[in-house]
Amino acid sequence: MTSDSDDLEQQLQQNLTLRRGLVAEVTKVRDRNAKDRLGWVLYWTFLALAVIWVFLWLWMLHGGVFGLERTGVEQAIEVFRRNPLGQLAFMGIPVIMFYSFGRAIRYVLSGE
């Protein structure tokens, strides 16, 4: 009878050890999934900011808040032709930065 209870106790201890290990693994997976989701949310947020920046740049190039007397496509083309590199840098650098920050945050949070 004692051997049966010892075997049962040993089996219960082994079962308890396996359950604790399983709980630890499930906790790691849940934590990683939450970080991964947060990384994707921030990535898409930064991409949305990049798109908003492009539209803001186009709006400013078109005339913006200053209410220039000559607005329209012709005026925007003229402003762009005066300083094309500056205009592309003013538009491109923030877009690249937004995209890079989004990718970097997603990479760090995903644990790859």
N, C-alpha and C. Protein backbone atom coordinates (compact mmCIF):
# COMPACT_ATOMS: atom_id res chain seq x y z
N MET A 1 0.82 -1.19 0.00
CA MET A 1 0.00 0.00 0.00
C MET A 1 0.86 1.25 0.00
N THR A 2 1.95 1.24 0.72
CA THR A 2 2.80 2.43 0.77
C THR A 2 3.48 2.67 -0.56
N SER A 3 3.79 1.59 -1.29
CA SER A 3 4.42 1.78 -2.60
C SER A 3 3.44 2.43 -3.57
N ASP A 4 2.14 2.07 -3.45
CA ASP A 4 1.15 2.70 -4.31
C ASP A 4 1.02 4.18 -3.99
N SER A 5 1.00 4.54 -2.74
CA SER A 5 0.86 5.96 -2.36
C SER A 5 2.14 6.73 -2.71
N ASP A 6 3.31 6.05 -2.60
CA ASP A 6 4.55 6.71 -3.01
C ASP A 6 4.58 6.96 -4.51
N ASP A 7 4.11 5.98 -5.28
CA ASP A 7 4.05 6.14 -6.73
C ASP A 7 3.07 7.26 -7.10
N LEU A 8 1.95 7.28 -6.40
CA LEU A 8 0.96 8.32 -6.67
C LEU A 8 1.52 9.69 -6.32
N GLU A 9 2.20 9.76 -5.19
CA GLU A 9 2.79 11.04 -4.78
C GLU A 9 3.86 11.49 -5.78
N GLN A 10 4.65 10.55 -6.25
CA GLN A 10 5.68 10.86 -7.23
C GLN A 10 5.06 11.34 -8.54
N GLN A 11 4.00 10.69 -8.97
CA GLN A 11 3.31 11.09 -10.18
C GLN A 11 2.68 12.49 -10.04
N LEU A 12 2.12 12.75 -8.86
CA LEU A 12 1.53 14.07 -8.61
C LEU A 12 2.60 15.16 -8.61
N GLN A 13 3.75 14.87 -8.02
CA GLN A 13 4.86 15.83 -8.02
C GLN A 13 5.34 16.11 -9.46
N GLN A 14 5.44 15.04 -10.23
CA GLN A 14 5.86 15.20 -11.62
C GLN A 14 4.83 16.01 -12.41
N ASN A 15 3.56 15.75 -12.18
CA ASN A 15 2.49 16.49 -12.82
C ASN A 15 2.55 17.97 -12.44
N LEU A 16 2.78 18.25 -11.15
CA LEU A 16 2.87 19.63 -10.68
C LEU A 16 4.06 20.35 -11.32
N THR A 17 5.18 19.67 -11.46
CA THR A 17 6.36 20.25 -12.09
C THR A 17 6.10 20.57 -13.56
N LEU A 18 5.43 19.64 -14.25
CA LEU A 18 5.09 19.88 -15.65
C LEU A 18 4.13 21.06 -15.81
N ARG A 19 3.17 21.17 -14.91
CA ARG A 19 2.21 22.27 -14.97
C ARG A 19 2.90 23.62 -14.74
N ARG A 20 3.83 23.65 -13.79
CA ARG A 20 4.56 24.90 -13.53
C ARG A 20 5.38 25.31 -14.75
N GLY A 21 6.00 24.34 -15.38
CA GLY A 21 6.77 24.64 -16.60
C GLY A 21 5.87 25.14 -17.72
N LEU A 22 4.71 24.53 -17.84
CA LEU A 22 3.76 24.94 -18.88
C LEU A 22 3.24 26.35 -18.62
N VAL A 23 2.97 26.68 -17.37
CA VAL A 23 2.50 28.02 -17.02
C VAL A 23 3.58 29.05 -17.37
N ALA A 24 4.84 28.72 -17.09
CA ALA A 24 5.93 29.65 -17.42
C ALA A 24 6.03 29.87 -18.92
N GLU A 25 5.87 28.81 -19.71
CA GLU A 25 5.92 28.96 -21.17
C GLU A 25 4.75 29.77 -21.70
N VAL A 26 3.56 29.53 -21.18
CA VAL A 26 2.38 30.27 -21.62
C VAL A 26 2.53 31.75 -21.28
N THR A 27 3.09 32.06 -20.13
CA THR A 27 3.31 33.45 -19.74
C THR A 27 4.29 34.13 -20.69
N LYS A 28 5.35 33.43 -21.08
CA LYS A 28 6.31 33.99 -22.03
C LYS A 28 5.65 34.27 -23.37
N VAL A 29 4.83 33.33 -23.84
CA VAL A 29 4.16 33.50 -25.13
C VAL A 29 3.20 34.67 -25.09
N ARG A 30 2.42 34.78 -24.03
CA ARG A 30 1.48 35.89 -23.91
C ARG A 30 2.20 37.23 -23.87
N ASP A 31 3.31 37.28 -23.12
CA ASP A 31 4.07 38.52 -23.02
C ASP A 31 4.65 38.89 -24.38
N ARG A 32 5.16 37.91 -25.10
CA ARG A 32 5.74 38.18 -26.42
C ARG A 32 4.67 38.62 -27.41
N ASN A 33 3.49 37.99 -27.36
CA ASN A 33 2.41 38.38 -28.26
C ASN A 33 1.96 39.81 -28.00
N ALA A 34 1.89 40.20 -26.73
CA ALA A 34 1.50 41.58 -26.39
C ALA A 34 2.54 42.57 -26.91
N LYS A 35 3.81 42.25 -26.74
CA LYS A 35 4.86 43.14 -27.24
C LYS A 35 4.84 43.20 -28.76
N ASP A 36 4.60 42.07 -29.40
CA ASP A 36 4.55 42.04 -30.85
C ASP A 36 3.40 42.88 -31.38
N ARG A 37 2.24 42.77 -30.74
CA ARG A 37 1.08 43.57 -31.15
C ARG A 37 1.35 45.06 -30.95
N LEU A 38 1.96 45.41 -29.82
CA LEU A 38 2.30 46.81 -29.57
C LEU A 38 3.28 47.31 -30.63
N GLY A 39 4.25 46.47 -31.00
CA GLY A 39 5.20 46.85 -32.04
C GLY A 39 4.52 47.12 -33.36
N TRP A 40 3.57 46.26 -33.74
CA TRP A 40 2.84 46.47 -35.00
C TRP A 40 1.99 47.73 -34.93
N VAL A 41 1.34 47.99 -33.79
CA VAL A 41 0.52 49.19 -33.66
C VAL A 41 1.38 50.44 -33.82
N LEU A 42 2.54 50.45 -33.17
CA LEU A 42 3.42 51.62 -33.28
C LEU A 42 3.97 51.75 -34.70
N TYR A 43 4.26 50.63 -35.34
CA TYR A 43 4.76 50.67 -36.71
C TYR A 43 3.73 51.31 -37.64
N TRP A 44 2.47 50.87 -37.55
CA TRP A 44 1.44 51.45 -38.41
C TRP A 44 1.15 52.90 -38.04
N THR A 45 1.30 53.25 -36.77
CA THR A 45 1.11 54.64 -36.35
C THR A 45 2.16 55.53 -36.99
N PHE A 46 3.42 55.08 -36.97
CA PHE A 46 4.47 55.87 -37.60
C PHE A 46 4.30 55.94 -39.11
N LEU A 47 3.83 54.88 -39.75
CA LEU A 47 3.54 54.95 -41.18
C LEU A 47 2.43 55.95 -41.47
N ALA A 48 1.41 55.97 -40.62
CA ALA A 48 0.33 56.94 -40.80
C ALA A 48 0.85 58.36 -40.64
N LEU A 49 1.76 58.58 -39.68
CA LEU A 49 2.37 59.90 -39.52
C LEU A 49 3.17 60.29 -40.75
N ALA A 50 3.84 59.33 -41.37
CA ALA A 50 4.60 59.62 -42.59
C ALA A 50 3.66 60.04 -43.71
N VAL A 51 2.53 59.36 -43.86
CA VAL A 51 1.57 59.72 -44.90
C VAL A 51 0.97 61.09 -44.62
N ILE A 52 0.66 61.37 -43.37
CA ILE A 52 0.13 62.68 -42.99
C ILE A 52 1.15 63.76 -43.31
N TRP A 53 2.43 63.47 -43.06
CA TRP A 53 3.47 64.45 -43.35
C TRP A 53 3.53 64.75 -44.86
N VAL A 54 3.41 63.73 -45.69
CA VAL A 54 3.43 63.94 -47.14
C VAL A 54 2.26 64.81 -47.56
N PHE A 55 1.06 64.54 -47.03
CA PHE A 55 -0.09 65.37 -47.39
C PHE A 55 0.08 66.80 -46.87
N LEU A 56 0.65 66.96 -45.68
CA LEU A 56 0.90 68.29 -45.14
C LEU A 56 1.91 69.03 -46.02
N TRP A 57 2.93 68.33 -46.48
CA TRP A 57 3.93 68.94 -47.36
C TRP A 57 3.29 69.38 -48.67
N LEU A 58 2.46 68.52 -49.24
CA LEU A 58 1.78 68.89 -50.48
C LEU A 58 0.86 70.09 -50.28
N TRP A 59 0.20 70.14 -49.16
CA TRP A 59 -0.69 71.26 -48.86
C TRP A 59 0.11 72.55 -48.71
N MET A 60 1.25 72.47 -48.01
CA MET A 60 2.09 73.65 -47.85
C MET A 60 2.69 74.07 -49.18
N LEU A 61 3.05 73.11 -50.00
CA LEU A 61 3.60 73.42 -51.32
C LEU A 61 2.55 74.10 -52.20
N HIS A 62 1.32 73.75 -51.98
CA HIS A 62 0.21 74.28 -52.78
C HIS A 62 -0.18 75.69 -52.35
N GLY A 63 0.20 76.11 -51.18
CA GLY A 63 -0.15 77.47 -50.72
C GLY A 63 -0.23 77.53 -49.21
N GLY A 64 -0.71 76.48 -48.60
CA GLY A 64 -0.71 76.36 -47.15
C GLY A 64 -1.55 77.38 -46.43
N VAL A 65 -1.13 77.72 -45.23
CA VAL A 65 -1.89 78.61 -44.36
C VAL A 65 -1.62 80.08 -44.66
N PHE A 66 -0.62 80.34 -45.47
CA PHE A 66 -0.26 81.73 -45.70
C PHE A 66 -1.22 82.44 -46.64
N GLY A 67 -2.02 81.69 -47.33
CA GLY A 67 -3.00 82.28 -48.23
C GLY A 67 -2.34 83.10 -49.33
N LEU A 68 -1.38 82.53 -49.95
CA LEU A 68 -0.67 83.23 -51.01
C LEU A 68 -1.65 83.61 -52.11
N GLU A 69 -1.38 84.75 -52.74
CA GLU A 69 -2.31 85.21 -53.77
C GLU A 69 -2.36 84.27 -54.97
N ARG A 70 -1.21 83.65 -55.27
CA ARG A 70 -1.19 82.69 -56.38
C ARG A 70 -1.14 81.29 -55.80
N THR A 71 -2.21 80.61 -55.81
CA THR A 71 -2.21 79.23 -55.36
C THR A 71 -2.62 78.35 -56.52
N GLY A 72 -2.30 77.11 -56.40
CA GLY A 72 -2.66 76.18 -57.44
C GLY A 72 -1.47 75.35 -57.85
N VAL A 73 -1.69 74.53 -58.84
CA VAL A 73 -0.66 73.61 -59.28
C VAL A 73 0.53 74.36 -59.87
N GLU A 74 0.26 75.45 -60.60
CA GLU A 74 1.36 76.20 -61.20
C GLU A 74 2.28 76.77 -60.13
N GLN A 75 1.68 77.31 -59.08
CA GLN A 75 2.49 77.88 -57.99
C GLN A 75 3.28 76.79 -57.28
N ALA A 76 2.67 75.64 -57.09
CA ALA A 76 3.37 74.54 -56.42
C ALA A 76 4.55 74.06 -57.26
N ILE A 77 4.35 73.99 -58.57
CA ILE A 77 5.44 73.56 -59.44
C ILE A 77 6.56 74.59 -59.42
N GLU A 78 6.20 75.87 -59.40
CA GLU A 78 7.22 76.92 -59.36
C GLU A 78 8.03 76.87 -58.07
N VAL A 79 7.36 76.68 -56.94
CA VAL A 79 8.07 76.57 -55.66
C VAL A 79 8.98 75.35 -55.67
N PHE A 80 8.51 74.26 -56.21
CA PHE A 80 9.32 73.05 -56.26
C PHE A 80 10.53 73.24 -57.19
N ARG A 81 10.33 73.93 -58.31
CA ARG A 81 11.43 74.13 -59.26
C ARG A 81 12.50 75.07 -58.71
N ARG A 82 12.10 76.00 -57.84
CA ARG A 82 13.09 76.91 -57.26
C ARG A 82 14.10 76.17 -56.39
N ASN A 83 13.63 75.18 -55.65
CA ASN A 83 14.53 74.47 -54.74
C ASN A 83 14.07 73.01 -54.64
N PRO A 84 14.30 72.21 -55.68
CA PRO A 84 13.79 70.84 -55.65
C PRO A 84 14.45 69.97 -54.58
N LEU A 85 15.76 70.13 -54.40
CA LEU A 85 16.45 69.31 -53.41
C LEU A 85 15.98 69.65 -52.00
N GLY A 86 15.81 70.92 -51.73
CA GLY A 86 15.32 71.34 -50.42
C GLY A 86 13.91 70.85 -50.15
N GLN A 87 13.07 70.93 -51.18
CA GLN A 87 11.69 70.47 -51.01
C GLN A 87 11.63 68.96 -50.79
N LEU A 88 12.44 68.22 -51.56
CA LEU A 88 12.46 66.76 -51.37
C LEU A 88 13.03 66.39 -50.00
N ALA A 89 14.05 67.13 -49.55
CA ALA A 89 14.61 66.86 -48.23
C ALA A 89 13.59 67.18 -47.15
N PHE A 90 12.87 68.30 -47.31
CA PHE A 90 11.86 68.69 -46.33
C PHE A 90 10.74 67.66 -46.25
N MET A 91 10.44 67.01 -47.37
CA MET A 91 9.41 65.99 -47.38
C MET A 91 10.00 64.62 -47.03
N GLY A 92 11.15 64.30 -47.60
CA GLY A 92 11.68 62.94 -47.51
C GLY A 92 12.31 62.56 -46.19
N ILE A 93 13.05 63.48 -45.58
CA ILE A 93 13.75 63.13 -44.34
C ILE A 93 12.78 62.75 -43.23
N PRO A 94 11.73 63.53 -42.96
CA PRO A 94 10.78 63.09 -41.92
C PRO A 94 10.08 61.78 -42.25
N VAL A 95 9.79 61.55 -43.53
CA VAL A 95 9.14 60.29 -43.92
C VAL A 95 10.07 59.12 -43.62
N ILE A 96 11.33 59.25 -43.99
CA ILE A 96 12.31 58.19 -43.71
C ILE A 96 12.47 58.00 -42.20
N MET A 97 12.48 59.09 -41.45
CA MET A 97 12.61 58.97 -40.00
C MET A 97 11.40 58.27 -39.38
N PHE A 98 10.19 58.65 -39.79
CA PHE A 98 8.99 57.99 -39.27
C PHE A 98 9.02 56.49 -39.56
N TYR A 99 9.35 56.16 -40.80
CA TYR A 99 9.41 54.75 -41.18
C TYR A 99 10.48 54.01 -40.38
N SER A 100 11.65 54.62 -40.24
CA SER A 100 12.75 53.97 -39.50
C SER A 100 12.40 53.77 -38.04
N PHE A 101 11.80 54.77 -37.42
CA PHE A 101 11.41 54.63 -36.01
C PHE A 101 10.39 53.51 -35.85
N GLY A 102 9.42 53.46 -36.74
CA GLY A 102 8.41 52.40 -36.68
C GLY A 102 9.02 51.02 -36.81
N ARG A 103 9.93 50.86 -37.79
CA ARG A 103 10.58 49.56 -37.98
C ARG A 103 11.46 49.19 -36.78
N ALA A 104 12.20 50.17 -36.26
CA ALA A 104 13.09 49.90 -35.13
C ALA A 104 12.30 49.49 -33.89
N ILE A 105 11.23 50.19 -33.61
CA ILE A 105 10.41 49.85 -32.44
C ILE A 105 9.79 48.48 -32.61
N ARG A 106 9.29 48.20 -33.80
CA ARG A 106 8.70 46.87 -34.05
C ARG A 106 9.75 45.78 -33.90
N TYR A 107 10.95 46.01 -34.39
CA TYR A 107 12.03 45.03 -34.29
C TYR A 107 12.42 44.77 -32.84
N VAL A 108 12.55 45.85 -32.06
CA VAL A 108 12.95 45.69 -30.66
C VAL A 108 11.86 44.97 -29.87
N LEU A 109 10.61 45.34 -30.07
CA LEU A 109 9.54 44.71 -29.30
C LEU A 109 9.25 43.29 -29.72
N SER A 110 9.52 42.94 -30.96
CA SER A 110 9.23 41.58 -31.40
C SER A 110 10.29 40.60 -30.93
N GLY A 111 11.46 41.10 -30.56
CA GLY A 111 12.52 40.22 -30.05
C GLY A 111 13.21 39.40 -31.11
N GLU A 112 13.20 39.84 -32.34
CA GLU A 112 13.83 39.10 -33.43
C GLU A 112 15.32 39.21 -33.36
